[in-house]
Amino acid sequence: QVQLVESGGGLVQPGGSLRLSCAGAGFMFSNYAMSWYRQAPGKERELVAVITSTGGSTNYADSVKGRFTISRDNAKKMVYLQMNSLKPEDTAVYYCNAKRVWVGYEYDYWGQGTQVTVSS
């Protein structure tokens, strides 16, 4: 059974930091690109950061560049999102995503999300 379980969300003051974690199970974690998405109330889900299967390449939304860092540990089947200098507009539910395209088929898995609230 495929599982992605996020943790680490919570309430933080503007300028603070949080580290989100996502644990994968039930699939070949090291073969998948991993991403963090977020969805704020009344807005569409947006891509925040992505890391390739080997961890050799990352990409970020312009709104988080220089503040957020995505990383992974394939041995532990974990992906992380270090969030620094948090702003109120970072408030959202953050979702972990695993994706792989293989033999013309897209494998796409989602976690249940973790709430991040940035407020004083």
N, C-alpha and C. Protein backbone atom coordinates (compact mmCIF):
# COMPACT_ATOMS: atom_id res chain seq x y z
N GLN A 1 0.84 -1.19 0.00
CA GLN A 1 0.00 0.00 0.00
C GLN A 1 0.88 1.24 0.00
N VAL A 2 0.64 2.11 -0.98
CA VAL A 2 1.42 3.34 -1.09
C VAL A 2 1.00 4.32 0.00
N GLN A 3 1.99 4.89 0.66
CA GLN A 3 1.72 5.90 1.69
C GLN A 3 2.74 7.02 1.59
N LEU A 4 2.25 8.23 1.72
CA LEU A 4 3.07 9.42 1.92
C LEU A 4 2.50 10.12 3.14
N VAL A 5 3.32 10.29 4.17
CA VAL A 5 2.84 10.86 5.41
C VAL A 5 3.69 12.08 5.75
N GLU A 6 3.04 13.25 5.74
CA GLU A 6 3.72 14.50 6.07
C GLU A 6 3.66 14.78 7.56
N SER A 7 4.63 15.51 8.04
CA SER A 7 4.66 15.96 9.42
C SER A 7 5.48 17.23 9.51
N GLY A 8 5.37 17.92 10.66
CA GLY A 8 6.20 19.08 10.90
C GLY A 8 5.49 20.42 10.75
N GLY A 9 4.25 20.40 10.33
CA GLY A 9 3.53 21.66 10.21
C GLY A 9 3.18 22.23 11.56
N GLY A 10 2.67 23.45 11.54
CA GLY A 10 2.27 24.10 12.78
C GLY A 10 2.14 25.59 12.63
N LEU A 11 2.07 26.26 13.77
CA LEU A 11 1.94 27.72 13.83
C LEU A 11 3.32 28.32 14.10
N VAL A 12 3.70 29.29 13.30
CA VAL A 12 4.99 29.94 13.47
C VAL A 12 4.84 31.43 13.21
N GLN A 13 5.65 32.23 13.87
CA GLN A 13 5.60 33.67 13.67
C GLN A 13 6.31 34.06 12.37
N PRO A 14 5.92 35.19 11.78
CA PRO A 14 6.64 35.67 10.60
C PRO A 14 8.13 35.79 10.89
N GLY A 15 8.93 35.35 9.92
CA GLY A 15 10.37 35.33 10.09
C GLY A 15 10.92 34.04 10.67
N GLY A 16 10.03 33.19 11.14
CA GLY A 16 10.44 31.94 11.75
C GLY A 16 10.71 30.84 10.73
N SER A 17 11.00 29.65 11.27
CA SER A 17 11.35 28.51 10.42
C SER A 17 10.54 27.28 10.82
N LEU A 18 10.37 26.42 9.84
CA LEU A 18 9.77 25.10 10.06
C LEU A 18 10.44 24.12 9.11
N ARG A 19 10.47 22.87 9.53
CA ARG A 19 10.97 21.81 8.66
C ARG A 19 9.88 20.76 8.50
N LEU A 20 9.42 20.61 7.27
CA LEU A 20 8.43 19.58 6.97
C LEU A 20 9.15 18.29 6.57
N SER A 21 8.54 17.17 6.94
CA SER A 21 9.06 15.87 6.57
C SER A 21 7.96 15.06 5.89
N CYS A 22 8.38 14.18 5.00
CA CYS A 22 7.42 13.30 4.33
C CYS A 22 8.05 11.92 4.24
N ALA A 23 7.35 10.94 4.79
CA ALA A 23 7.83 9.56 4.78
C ALA A 23 7.09 8.77 3.71
N GLY A 24 7.85 8.09 2.86
CA GLY A 24 7.25 7.29 1.81
C GLY A 24 7.30 5.81 2.13
N ALA A 25 6.30 5.07 1.67
CA ALA A 25 6.26 3.63 1.87
C ALA A 25 5.40 2.99 0.78
N GLY A 26 5.73 1.74 0.46
CA GLY A 26 4.90 0.99 -0.47
C GLY A 26 5.23 1.19 -1.94
N PHE A 27 6.31 1.91 -2.23
CA PHE A 27 6.74 2.10 -3.61
C PHE A 27 8.25 2.31 -3.63
N MET A 28 8.85 2.23 -4.82
CA MET A 28 10.30 2.38 -4.95
C MET A 28 10.66 3.86 -4.88
N PHE A 29 10.81 4.32 -3.67
CA PHE A 29 11.00 5.75 -3.39
C PHE A 29 12.12 6.35 -4.23
N SER A 30 13.22 5.65 -4.37
CA SER A 30 14.39 6.21 -5.03
C SER A 30 14.20 6.38 -6.54
N ASN A 31 13.11 5.85 -7.08
CA ASN A 31 12.83 6.00 -8.52
C ASN A 31 11.94 7.19 -8.83
N TYR A 32 11.48 7.87 -7.80
CA TYR A 32 10.48 8.92 -7.97
C TYR A 32 11.05 10.30 -7.72
N ALA A 33 10.65 11.24 -8.57
CA ALA A 33 10.85 12.64 -8.24
C ALA A 33 9.87 12.99 -7.11
N MET A 34 10.35 13.81 -6.20
CA MET A 34 9.52 14.21 -5.05
C MET A 34 9.30 15.71 -5.06
N SER A 35 8.09 16.11 -4.70
CA SER A 35 7.75 17.52 -4.72
C SER A 35 6.96 17.89 -3.48
N TRP A 36 6.99 19.17 -3.18
CA TRP A 36 6.09 19.78 -2.20
C TRP A 36 5.19 20.75 -2.94
N TYR A 37 3.91 20.63 -2.69
CA TYR A 37 2.91 21.56 -3.17
C TYR A 37 2.26 22.23 -1.96
N ARG A 38 1.54 23.31 -2.22
CA ARG A 38 0.76 23.92 -1.16
C ARG A 38 -0.53 24.47 -1.73
N GLN A 39 -1.51 24.57 -0.85
CA GLN A 39 -2.81 25.13 -1.24
C GLN A 39 -3.33 26.01 -0.12
N ALA A 40 -3.46 27.27 -0.43
CA ALA A 40 -4.02 28.23 0.52
C ALA A 40 -5.53 28.29 0.32
N PRO A 41 -6.26 28.75 1.35
CA PRO A 41 -7.73 28.83 1.23
C PRO A 41 -8.14 29.67 0.03
N GLY A 42 -9.04 29.11 -0.78
CA GLY A 42 -9.55 29.85 -1.93
C GLY A 42 -8.61 29.91 -3.12
N LYS A 43 -7.48 29.23 -3.03
CA LYS A 43 -6.51 29.27 -4.13
C LYS A 43 -6.25 27.86 -4.66
N GLU A 44 -5.70 27.81 -5.86
CA GLU A 44 -5.35 26.53 -6.44
C GLU A 44 -4.06 25.99 -5.81
N ARG A 45 -3.93 24.67 -5.90
CA ARG A 45 -2.70 24.05 -5.41
C ARG A 45 -1.54 24.47 -6.31
N GLU A 46 -0.41 24.82 -5.70
CA GLU A 46 0.74 25.26 -6.47
C GLU A 46 1.99 24.48 -6.09
N LEU A 47 2.86 24.31 -7.08
CA LEU A 47 4.13 23.65 -6.85
C LEU A 47 5.07 24.57 -6.09
N VAL A 48 5.66 24.05 -5.03
CA VAL A 48 6.59 24.83 -4.21
C VAL A 48 8.04 24.48 -4.55
N ALA A 49 8.32 23.17 -4.56
CA ALA A 49 9.69 22.72 -4.80
C ALA A 49 9.67 21.28 -5.30
N VAL A 50 10.67 20.93 -6.11
CA VAL A 50 10.78 19.58 -6.63
C VAL A 50 12.24 19.16 -6.60
N ILE A 51 12.45 17.86 -6.35
CA ILE A 51 13.80 17.29 -6.35
C ILE A 51 13.78 16.01 -7.17
N THR A 52 14.81 15.82 -7.98
CA THR A 52 14.87 14.62 -8.82
C THR A 52 15.10 13.37 -7.98
N SER A 53 14.95 12.23 -8.61
CA SER A 53 15.01 10.96 -7.89
C SER A 53 16.35 10.75 -7.17
N THR A 54 17.43 11.23 -7.77
CA THR A 54 18.75 11.06 -7.16
C THR A 54 19.10 12.21 -6.22
N GLY A 55 18.29 13.25 -6.25
CA GLY A 55 18.61 14.44 -5.45
C GLY A 55 19.59 15.36 -6.12
N GLY A 56 19.92 15.08 -7.36
CA GLY A 56 20.93 15.87 -8.03
C GLY A 56 20.48 17.22 -8.54
N SER A 57 19.17 17.41 -8.62
CA SER A 57 18.65 18.67 -9.14
C SER A 57 17.39 19.07 -8.38
N THR A 58 17.27 20.36 -8.15
CA THR A 58 16.10 20.90 -7.47
C THR A 58 15.58 22.11 -8.23
N ASN A 59 14.32 22.43 -7.98
CA ASN A 59 13.73 23.62 -8.57
C ASN A 59 12.68 24.16 -7.61
N TYR A 60 12.51 25.49 -7.66
CA TYR A 60 11.65 26.14 -6.69
C TYR A 60 10.74 27.15 -7.37
N ALA A 61 9.59 27.37 -6.75
CA ALA A 61 8.73 28.47 -7.16
C ALA A 61 9.46 29.77 -6.84
N ASP A 62 9.25 30.77 -7.67
CA ASP A 62 9.93 32.06 -7.46
C ASP A 62 9.63 32.63 -6.07
N SER A 63 8.42 32.38 -5.58
CA SER A 63 8.00 32.97 -4.31
C SER A 63 8.77 32.42 -3.11
N VAL A 64 9.44 31.28 -3.27
CA VAL A 64 10.14 30.67 -2.13
C VAL A 64 11.65 30.55 -2.35
N LYS A 65 12.12 30.92 -3.52
CA LYS A 65 13.56 30.80 -3.81
C LYS A 65 14.37 31.59 -2.80
N GLY A 66 15.43 30.95 -2.31
CA GLY A 66 16.30 31.59 -1.33
C GLY A 66 15.81 31.45 0.10
N ARG A 67 14.57 30.97 0.30
CA ARG A 67 14.02 30.79 1.65
C ARG A 67 13.76 29.32 1.98
N PHE A 68 13.36 28.55 0.97
CA PHE A 68 13.02 27.14 1.19
C PHE A 68 14.09 26.25 0.55
N THR A 69 14.30 25.09 1.17
CA THR A 69 15.23 24.10 0.62
C THR A 69 14.61 22.72 0.69
N ILE A 70 14.57 22.05 -0.45
CA ILE A 70 14.07 20.68 -0.51
C ILE A 70 15.26 19.73 -0.51
N SER A 71 15.12 18.61 0.21
CA SER A 71 16.17 17.60 0.23
C SER A 71 15.52 16.23 0.42
N ARG A 72 16.30 15.20 0.21
CA ARG A 72 15.77 13.84 0.36
C ARG A 72 16.85 12.92 0.87
N ASP A 73 16.39 11.83 1.49
CA ASP A 73 17.26 10.76 1.95
C ASP A 73 16.64 9.46 1.44
N ASN A 74 17.18 8.93 0.36
CA ASN A 74 16.58 7.75 -0.25
C ASN A 74 16.71 6.51 0.64
N ALA A 75 17.75 6.45 1.43
CA ALA A 75 17.91 5.31 2.32
C ALA A 75 16.80 5.26 3.37
N LYS A 76 16.36 6.44 3.80
CA LYS A 76 15.30 6.52 4.80
C LYS A 76 13.92 6.70 4.18
N LYS A 77 13.88 6.86 2.85
CA LYS A 77 12.62 7.11 2.13
C LYS A 77 11.93 8.36 2.69
N MET A 78 12.71 9.43 2.80
CA MET A 78 12.21 10.68 3.36
C MET A 78 12.52 11.83 2.41
N VAL A 79 11.61 12.80 2.40
CA VAL A 79 11.87 14.07 1.73
C VAL A 79 11.52 15.18 2.71
N TYR A 80 12.29 16.27 2.61
CA TYR A 80 12.16 17.35 3.58
C TYR A 80 11.96 18.68 2.87
N LEU A 81 11.36 19.60 3.60
CA LEU A 81 11.28 20.98 3.12
C LEU A 81 11.64 21.88 4.29
N GLN A 82 12.82 22.46 4.21
CA GLN A 82 13.24 23.44 5.21
C GLN A 82 12.74 24.81 4.79
N MET A 83 11.95 25.43 5.65
CA MET A 83 11.33 26.71 5.33
C MET A 83 11.84 27.76 6.30
N ASN A 84 12.53 28.75 5.78
CA ASN A 84 13.07 29.85 6.59
C ASN A 84 12.43 31.16 6.19
N SER A 85 12.59 32.15 7.04
CA SER A 85 12.06 33.49 6.76
C SER A 85 10.60 33.42 6.32
N LEU A 86 9.82 32.70 7.07
CA LEU A 86 8.43 32.47 6.69
C LEU A 86 7.62 33.77 6.72
N LYS A 87 6.67 33.84 5.77
CA LYS A 87 5.81 35.00 5.63
C LYS A 87 4.36 34.57 5.79
N PRO A 88 3.49 35.49 6.14
CA PRO A 88 2.06 35.13 6.26
C PRO A 88 1.51 34.50 4.97
N GLU A 89 2.01 34.93 3.84
CA GLU A 89 1.52 34.36 2.58
C GLU A 89 2.00 32.94 2.32
N ASP A 90 2.85 32.41 3.18
CA ASP A 90 3.23 31.00 3.10
C ASP A 90 2.20 30.10 3.79
N THR A 91 1.23 30.69 4.45
CA THR A 91 0.19 29.92 5.12
C THR A 91 -0.59 29.09 4.11
N ALA A 92 -0.63 27.78 4.35
CA ALA A 92 -1.29 26.86 3.42
C ALA A 92 -1.22 25.45 3.99
N VAL A 93 -1.95 24.55 3.35
CA VAL A 93 -1.74 23.13 3.57
C VAL A 93 -0.66 22.67 2.60
N TYR A 94 0.36 22.03 3.13
CA TYR A 94 1.49 21.57 2.32
C TYR A 94 1.37 20.07 2.08
N TYR A 95 1.50 19.69 0.81
CA TYR A 95 1.35 18.31 0.40
C TYR A 95 2.64 17.77 -0.20
N CYS A 96 2.91 16.54 0.12
CA CYS A 96 4.04 15.81 -0.45
C CYS A 96 3.53 15.02 -1.67
N ASN A 97 4.33 15.00 -2.72
CA ASN A 97 3.95 14.30 -3.95
C ASN A 97 5.11 13.47 -4.46
N ALA A 98 4.80 12.28 -4.93
CA ALA A 98 5.77 11.39 -5.58
C ALA A 98 5.30 11.13 -7.00
N LYS A 99 6.20 11.30 -7.96
CA LYS A 99 5.79 11.13 -9.35
C LYS A 99 6.89 10.43 -10.15
N ARG A 100 6.42 9.54 -11.04
CA ARG A 100 7.35 8.85 -11.93
C ARG A 100 6.62 8.53 -13.23
N VAL A 101 7.28 8.76 -14.34
CA VAL A 101 6.76 8.36 -15.64
C VAL A 101 7.61 7.19 -16.12
N TRP A 102 6.96 6.06 -16.37
CA TRP A 102 7.68 4.84 -16.73
C TRP A 102 6.86 4.07 -17.75
N VAL A 103 7.47 3.78 -18.87
CA VAL A 103 6.83 3.04 -19.96
C VAL A 103 5.50 3.71 -20.32
N GLY A 104 5.55 5.03 -20.41
CA GLY A 104 4.40 5.79 -20.85
C GLY A 104 3.28 5.93 -19.83
N TYR A 105 3.50 5.47 -18.63
CA TYR A 105 2.47 5.57 -17.60
C TYR A 105 2.98 6.47 -16.49
N GLU A 106 2.10 7.33 -15.99
CA GLU A 106 2.46 8.24 -14.91
C GLU A 106 1.97 7.69 -13.57
N TYR A 107 2.90 7.52 -12.66
CA TYR A 107 2.58 7.12 -11.29
C TYR A 107 2.64 8.39 -10.44
N ASP A 108 1.57 8.69 -9.72
CA ASP A 108 1.41 9.98 -9.06
C ASP A 108 0.73 9.74 -7.71
N TYR A 109 1.46 9.98 -6.63
CA TYR A 109 0.95 9.72 -5.28
C TYR A 109 0.99 11.00 -4.45
N TRP A 110 0.00 11.13 -3.54
CA TRP A 110 -0.12 12.31 -2.69
C TRP A 110 -0.25 11.94 -1.22
N GLY A 111 0.28 12.80 -0.38
CA GLY A 111 0.05 12.68 1.05
C GLY A 111 -1.23 13.39 1.43
N GLN A 112 -1.53 13.36 2.74
CA GLN A 112 -2.79 13.94 3.22
C GLN A 112 -2.66 15.42 3.54
N GLY A 113 -1.43 15.92 3.60
CA GLY A 113 -1.20 17.34 3.84
C GLY A 113 -0.93 17.66 5.30
N THR A 114 -0.19 18.74 5.49
CA THR A 114 0.07 19.25 6.84
C THR A 114 -0.10 20.77 6.82
N GLN A 115 -0.77 21.30 7.83
CA GLN A 115 -1.09 22.73 7.85
C GLN A 115 0.10 23.54 8.35
N VAL A 116 0.42 24.58 7.62
CA VAL A 116 1.41 25.57 8.05
C VAL A 116 0.71 26.91 8.15
N THR A 117 0.79 27.52 9.33
CA THR A 117 0.18 28.82 9.56
C THR A 117 1.26 29.79 10.04
N VAL A 118 1.41 30.88 9.31
CA VAL A 118 2.39 31.90 9.67
C VAL A 118 1.63 33.14 10.12
N SER A 119 1.71 33.41 11.40
CA SER A 119 0.93 34.50 11.96
C SER A 119 1.54 34.96 13.28
N SER A 120 1.40 36.25 13.56
CA SER A 120 1.85 36.77 14.84
C SER A 120 0.72 36.78 15.85
